[in-house]
Protein backbone atom coordinates (compact mmCIF):
# COMPACT_ATOMS: atom_id res chain seq x y z
CA MET A 1 -156.16 71.84 89.62
CA LEU A 2 -157.38 68.01 89.98
CA ARG A 3 -155.14 66.82 87.75
CA ILE A 4 -151.98 68.63 89.02
CA LYS A 5 -152.82 66.67 92.47
CA GLU A 6 -152.64 63.31 90.51
CA ILE A 7 -149.55 64.14 88.80
CA VAL A 8 -147.94 64.95 92.77
CA ILE A 9 -149.36 61.80 94.04
CA VAL A 10 -147.71 59.70 91.17
CA LEU A 11 -144.73 61.25 91.78
CA LEU A 12 -144.92 60.28 95.90
CA ILE A 13 -146.02 57.01 94.74
CA LEU A 14 -142.54 56.82 92.62
CA ILE A 15 -140.42 58.90 94.87
CA SER A 16 -141.37 56.00 97.64
CA ALA A 17 -140.87 52.62 95.84
CA SER A 18 -137.80 54.32 94.78
CA ILE A 19 -136.64 54.68 98.37
CA LEU A 20 -137.94 51.30 99.28
CA MET A 21 -136.06 49.36 96.49
CA GLY A 22 -132.77 51.10 97.49
CA CYS A 23 -132.97 50.08 101.12
CA THR A 24 -133.47 46.15 99.28
CA ASP A 25 -130.58 46.82 97.42
CA ILE A 26 -128.32 47.87 100.63
CA GLY A 27 -129.68 45.47 102.79
CA THR A 28 -129.13 42.62 100.37
CA ILE A 29 -125.36 43.92 99.21
CA ASP A 30 -125.14 43.50 102.99
CA LYS A 31 -125.97 39.92 103.34
CA LEU A 32 -124.25 39.18 100.50
CA GLU A 33 -121.12 40.76 102.01
CA ALA A 34 -121.47 39.02 105.50
CA GLN A 35 -121.78 35.70 103.53
CA LYS A 36 -118.90 36.44 101.21
CA GLU A 37 -116.31 34.01 101.29
CA VAL A 38 -112.55 35.04 102.93
CA GLY A 39 -109.33 34.25 101.78
CA ALA A 40 -106.68 31.96 103.94
CA ASP A 41 -105.66 34.25 106.25
CA GLY A 42 -106.15 33.97 109.87
CA LYS A 43 -107.18 37.55 110.87
CA GLU A 44 -109.82 37.81 108.09
CA LEU A 45 -110.99 34.10 108.80
CA TYR A 46 -110.94 35.40 112.93
CA ASP A 47 -113.07 38.64 111.69
CA HIS A 48 -115.67 36.59 109.82
CA ILE A 49 -116.70 33.77 112.48
CA THR A 50 -116.52 36.81 115.07
CA ILE A 51 -117.90 39.86 113.17
CA ASP A 52 -119.64 39.12 110.22
CA ASN A 53 -121.07 35.59 111.03
CA ASP A 54 -120.54 34.85 115.13
CA TYR A 55 -119.91 31.17 115.05
CA GLN A 56 -121.34 30.77 118.43
CA ASN A 57 -124.61 31.24 117.05
CA TRP A 58 -124.43 28.19 114.32
CA SER A 59 -125.40 24.39 114.97
CA TYR A 60 -123.24 21.79 117.33
CA TRP A 61 -121.74 19.55 115.14
CA PRO A 62 -124.61 17.39 114.12
CA GLY A 63 -124.90 14.94 117.44
CA LYS A 64 -122.26 16.89 119.75
CA GLY A 65 -123.17 19.37 122.26
CA GLU A 66 -121.26 22.06 124.55
CA PHE A 67 -118.28 20.72 126.47
CA GLU A 68 -118.22 17.33 124.85
CA PRO A 69 -115.00 15.52 126.09
CA ALA A 70 -111.98 16.04 124.27
CA ARG A 71 -108.00 15.18 124.30
CA GLU A 72 -105.05 17.53 123.78
CA PRO A 73 -104.54 19.48 121.83
CA HIS A 74 -107.85 20.76 122.31
CA GLY A 75 -108.02 20.55 126.03
CA GLU A 76 -110.42 18.47 128.70
CA PHE A 77 -113.48 19.80 126.49
CA VAL A 78 -114.87 21.21 123.15
CA THR A 79 -117.74 22.57 121.93
CA THR A 80 -117.95 22.14 117.84
CA TYR A 81 -119.85 24.74 115.65
CA VAL A 82 -120.02 24.31 112.13
CA SER A 83 -120.98 26.87 109.26
CA ASN A 84 -124.39 26.37 107.26
CA THR A 85 -122.19 25.74 104.50
CA SER A 86 -121.10 22.34 106.56
CA ILE A 87 -124.27 21.06 107.56
CA SER A 88 -125.41 19.21 104.04
CA SER A 89 -122.24 17.87 103.41
CA ILE A 90 -122.45 16.37 107.26
CA GLU A 91 -125.94 14.97 107.12
CA ASN A 92 -125.99 13.75 103.72
CA LYS A 93 -122.54 12.08 104.28
CA ASP A 94 -120.75 13.15 101.42
CA GLY A 95 -117.68 11.91 102.19
CA ASN A 96 -116.00 15.44 101.62
CA MET A 97 -116.90 18.75 103.14
CA SER A 98 -117.86 20.96 100.24
CA ALA A 99 -115.70 24.22 99.88
CA GLY A 100 -116.31 27.05 102.26
CA SER A 101 -116.96 24.58 105.02
CA ILE A 102 -115.76 26.15 108.36
CA ILE A 103 -115.52 23.95 111.33
CA VAL A 104 -114.84 25.90 114.96
CA LYS A 105 -113.93 24.19 118.11
CA ASN A 106 -113.76 26.60 121.38
CA ASN A 107 -110.83 24.58 123.83
CA TYR A 108 -111.40 24.32 127.37
CA ASP A 109 -109.13 23.07 130.15
CA ASP A 110 -110.42 20.91 133.13
CA ASN A 111 -112.55 23.99 134.53
CA LYS A 112 -114.49 24.52 131.41
CA GLU A 113 -112.61 27.90 130.77
CA LEU A 114 -111.79 28.66 127.31
CA VAL A 115 -108.05 28.15 126.61
CA ALA A 116 -108.01 28.13 122.70
CA ILE A 117 -110.38 28.46 119.61
CA THR A 118 -109.31 26.40 116.81
CA ALA A 119 -110.55 26.46 113.54
CA MET A 120 -110.45 24.45 110.07
CA TYR A 121 -111.21 26.17 106.59
CA LYS A 122 -112.07 24.58 103.38
CA VAL A 123 -110.68 26.95 100.53
CA ASP A 124 -110.63 25.28 97.02
CA GLY A 125 -107.20 25.09 96.02
CA TYR A 126 -105.63 26.18 99.05
CA ASP A 127 -103.53 22.78 99.49
CA PRO A 128 -105.07 20.19 97.49
CA GLU A 129 -102.48 17.76 99.43
CA HIS A 130 -104.35 17.88 102.54
CA ASN A 131 -107.67 18.10 100.81
CA ASP A 132 -107.67 22.28 100.99
CA TRP A 133 -107.90 22.48 104.54
CA PHE A 134 -106.40 25.84 106.19
CA TRP A 135 -105.77 25.58 109.96
CA VAL A 136 -105.81 28.49 112.67
CA LYS A 137 -105.49 28.32 116.29
CA TYR A 138 -106.24 31.40 118.19
CA LEU A 139 -106.14 32.37 121.99
CA PRO A 140 -109.53 33.21 123.59
CA ASP A 141 -108.25 37.10 122.92
CA GLY A 142 -108.02 36.40 118.53
CA THR A 143 -104.63 36.66 118.99
CA ILE A 144 -103.46 34.34 116.25
CA GLU A 145 -101.02 31.35 117.78
CA ALA A 146 -100.78 29.06 114.03
CA GLU A 147 -102.07 29.37 110.69
CA GLY A 148 -101.78 28.14 107.47
CA LYS A 149 -100.56 24.46 106.29
CA ILE A 150 -99.96 23.60 109.87
CA GLU A 151 -97.73 20.45 109.92
CA ASP A 152 -98.68 19.45 113.26
CA CYS A 153 -102.36 19.47 112.13
CA ASN A 154 -101.98 17.90 108.77
CA GLY A 155 -100.24 14.99 110.32
CA CYS A 156 -102.73 14.38 113.23
CA HIS A 157 -105.76 14.63 111.42
CA GLY A 158 -104.43 12.86 108.24
CA MET A 159 -105.00 9.93 110.18
CA LYS A 160 -108.62 10.28 109.15
CA LYS A 161 -107.54 10.94 105.35
CA SER A 162 -110.48 8.88 104.23
CA ASN A 163 -112.64 11.27 106.22
CA ASP A 164 -111.67 14.33 104.97
CA TYR A 165 -109.56 14.76 108.25
CA ILE A 166 -112.16 14.87 110.50
CA PHE A 167 -112.38 12.99 113.80
CA THR A 168 -115.51 14.46 115.10
CA GLY A 169 -117.98 12.84 113.17
CA ILE A 170 -118.22 10.23 110.34
CA LEU A 171 -118.79 11.68 106.62
CA THR A 172 -119.32 8.45 105.04
CA GLN A 173 -122.21 5.95 104.86
CA GLY A 174 -122.17 3.32 107.51
CA ILE A 175 -121.58 -0.19 106.30
CA PRO A 176 -124.24 -2.16 107.51
CA GLU A 177 -123.10 -4.70 110.66
CA PRO A 178 -122.75 -8.60 109.52
CA VAL A 179 -125.83 -10.35 111.23
CA THR A 180 -124.24 -13.28 112.90
CA GLY A 181 -125.13 -16.53 115.14
CA THR A 182 -128.63 -16.66 113.02
CA PRO A 183 -129.06 -20.57 111.62
CA ASN A 184 -129.54 -21.16 107.76
CA ALA A 185 -131.67 -23.65 106.02
CA THR A 186 -128.89 -26.33 106.12
CA GLN A 187 -128.21 -25.84 110.11
CA THR A 188 -129.99 -28.16 112.93
CA PRO A 189 -131.56 -26.32 115.64
CA THR A 190 -128.85 -28.07 118.04
CA SER A 191 -126.11 -26.86 115.82
CA THR A 192 -123.78 -24.08 118.21
CA PRO A 193 -123.06 -20.75 115.90
CA THR A 194 -118.96 -20.19 115.43
CA PRO A 195 -117.72 -17.49 117.81
CA GLU A 196 -116.67 -14.35 116.17
CA PRO A 197 -113.43 -13.21 116.88
CA THR A 198 -113.53 -9.82 119.31
CA PRO A 199 -112.34 -6.77 116.94
CA ARG A 200 -109.73 -5.00 118.10
CA PRO A 201 -110.93 -1.09 118.90
CA GLU A 202 -110.00 1.37 115.49
CA PRO A 203 -106.61 3.21 116.28
CA THR A 204 -106.59 6.55 118.16
CA ASN A 205 -104.34 9.15 118.87
CA ILE A 206 -103.23 9.34 122.75
CA SER A 207 -101.93 13.08 123.51
CA ILE A 208 -98.81 13.29 126.35
CA TRP A 209 -98.13 16.83 127.51
CA ILE A 210 -94.34 17.63 128.27
CA GLU A 211 -94.62 20.69 130.38
CA ASN A 212 -93.44 21.29 134.47
CA ASN A 213 -90.47 18.97 133.22
CA GLY A 214 -92.08 16.22 132.96
CA PHE A 215 -94.91 14.02 131.68
CA LYS A 216 -98.95 14.15 131.57
CA PRO A 217 -100.21 12.18 132.55
CA TYR A 218 -97.54 10.78 134.65
CA GLY A 219 -96.50 7.38 135.06
CA ASN A 220 -98.30 4.15 133.27
CA VAL A 221 -100.25 5.23 130.29
CA GLU A 222 -101.99 1.83 128.54
CA ILE A 223 -102.64 2.13 125.12
CA ASN A 224 -104.13 -0.61 122.45
CA MET A 225 -101.85 -1.95 119.68
CA GLY A 226 -101.98 0.43 116.56
CA ASP A 227 -102.34 3.80 118.73
CA THR A 228 -100.69 6.73 117.96
CA VAL A 229 -98.53 8.72 120.62
CA VAL A 230 -98.64 12.34 120.27
CA TRP A 231 -96.01 14.35 122.82
CA TRP A 232 -96.67 17.54 122.78
CA ASN A 233 -94.36 19.97 124.16
CA ARG A 234 -96.36 22.66 126.38
CA GLU A 235 -93.61 24.12 128.72
CA LYS A 236 -94.95 27.05 130.21
CA PHE A 237 -91.56 29.04 129.69
CA LYS A 238 -91.02 27.75 126.13
CA ASN A 239 -88.50 25.59 126.86
CA PRO A 240 -87.17 23.03 124.13
CA ARG A 241 -87.33 19.19 125.14
CA ASP A 242 -85.62 16.40 124.01
CA ILE A 243 -87.38 12.70 124.40
CA ILE A 244 -85.61 9.83 124.88
CA SER A 245 -86.96 6.28 124.18
CA GLU A 246 -85.04 3.95 126.76
CA ASP A 247 -85.79 1.15 124.32
CA GLY A 248 -84.36 2.24 121.38
CA LEU A 249 -87.50 3.12 119.37
CA TRP A 250 -85.35 5.97 118.08
CA ASP A 251 -81.46 6.14 117.77
CA GLU A 252 -81.20 9.90 118.98
CA PRO A 253 -83.45 11.73 121.36
CA VAL A 254 -86.09 13.83 119.68
CA HIS A 255 -86.14 17.57 120.08
CA LEU A 256 -89.39 19.20 120.53
CA ASN A 257 -89.21 23.05 120.64
CA PHE A 258 -92.47 25.08 122.48
CA MET A 259 -95.71 24.12 120.92
CA ARG A 260 -94.27 21.39 118.49
CA THR A 261 -95.23 17.88 118.26
CA PHE A 262 -94.01 14.03 117.76
CA ASN A 263 -96.23 10.99 116.82
CA TYR A 264 -95.01 7.44 117.13
CA THR A 265 -97.48 4.59 116.22
CA PHE A 266 -96.96 1.78 118.16
CA ASN A 267 -97.74 -1.41 116.13
CA GLU A 268 -96.17 -4.42 118.42
CA THR A 269 -97.58 -5.20 122.02
CA GLY A 270 -95.00 -4.41 125.38
CA THR A 271 -93.92 -1.70 127.79
CA TYR A 272 -92.06 0.59 126.73
CA TYR A 273 -90.12 3.94 128.83
CA PHE A 274 -89.50 7.42 127.79
CA SER A 275 -87.60 10.47 129.85
CA LEU A 276 -86.37 13.94 128.94
CA MET A 277 -83.00 14.89 128.63
CA TYR A 278 -81.40 16.85 131.48
CA ASN A 279 -84.58 16.52 133.29
CA GLU A 280 -83.63 17.32 136.87
CA VAL A 281 -86.92 16.35 138.15
CA GLY A 282 -86.58 12.90 136.88
CA SER A 283 -89.82 12.34 135.28
CA ARG A 284 -89.91 9.02 133.45
CA GLN A 285 -93.23 7.72 131.51
CA GLU A 286 -93.96 4.25 130.53
CA ILE A 287 -96.43 3.09 128.03
CA THR A 288 -97.92 -0.39 127.81
CA VAL A 289 -99.41 -1.87 124.81
CA ILE A 290 -101.89 -4.18 124.84
């Protein structure tokens, strides 16, 4: 009788262990499923960053926070989230983000209302010419507004190709600033160091919207030589617009369909004027390059 009880106890222990192992395996499978890589597909990526892994629980880009000042096409403010696979590349300054990295930006208007969600996802082998970035823009409800090898995204971010197409932060080890004005052994105490020339600001992108039959910001815009102006058609009723260079920077009016952009880099100082064809409001833009 005692022998039978011992056998029953052993069987119960084995059954319990089997059940626990089964639960562990299921949990492991679920965890791996949540961490699986997704393809270059906007819907699949959206499900991954909202259902499988809520991106708003991810870390901010190191050194950044909520509602950072931004410029178009990302609105007035952004909050930048990075996946766990991205953190080490950023903190180690590897020069390039690793495959599988996901960067998600909440785009806000001047009232800090969410107007769009933009994401860049590095898919190994997807687009080697542009460092394999897959781009996607969602409306707040998850509707896909644009996805794939978006020409405007590759063009704008291409200005930071050496930084893996990223504006938010530097991915390479910094170069130490040279020490100036320190006398060396051959200098006398009364010698005056030669002043260093004032460096020009690093070229950047300046976004100008086209909406309500005019430019935004309206009037004069001052930029630095080497900056690139990005005109972006955001007309409420999705009308196309044609930009005229009154100074002949381009021969024919530049035609922009809704949500399309046009870039121009200003490499000479001066004042330039632009207007919209068939613009009954008479909006005229002045850009001063210093």
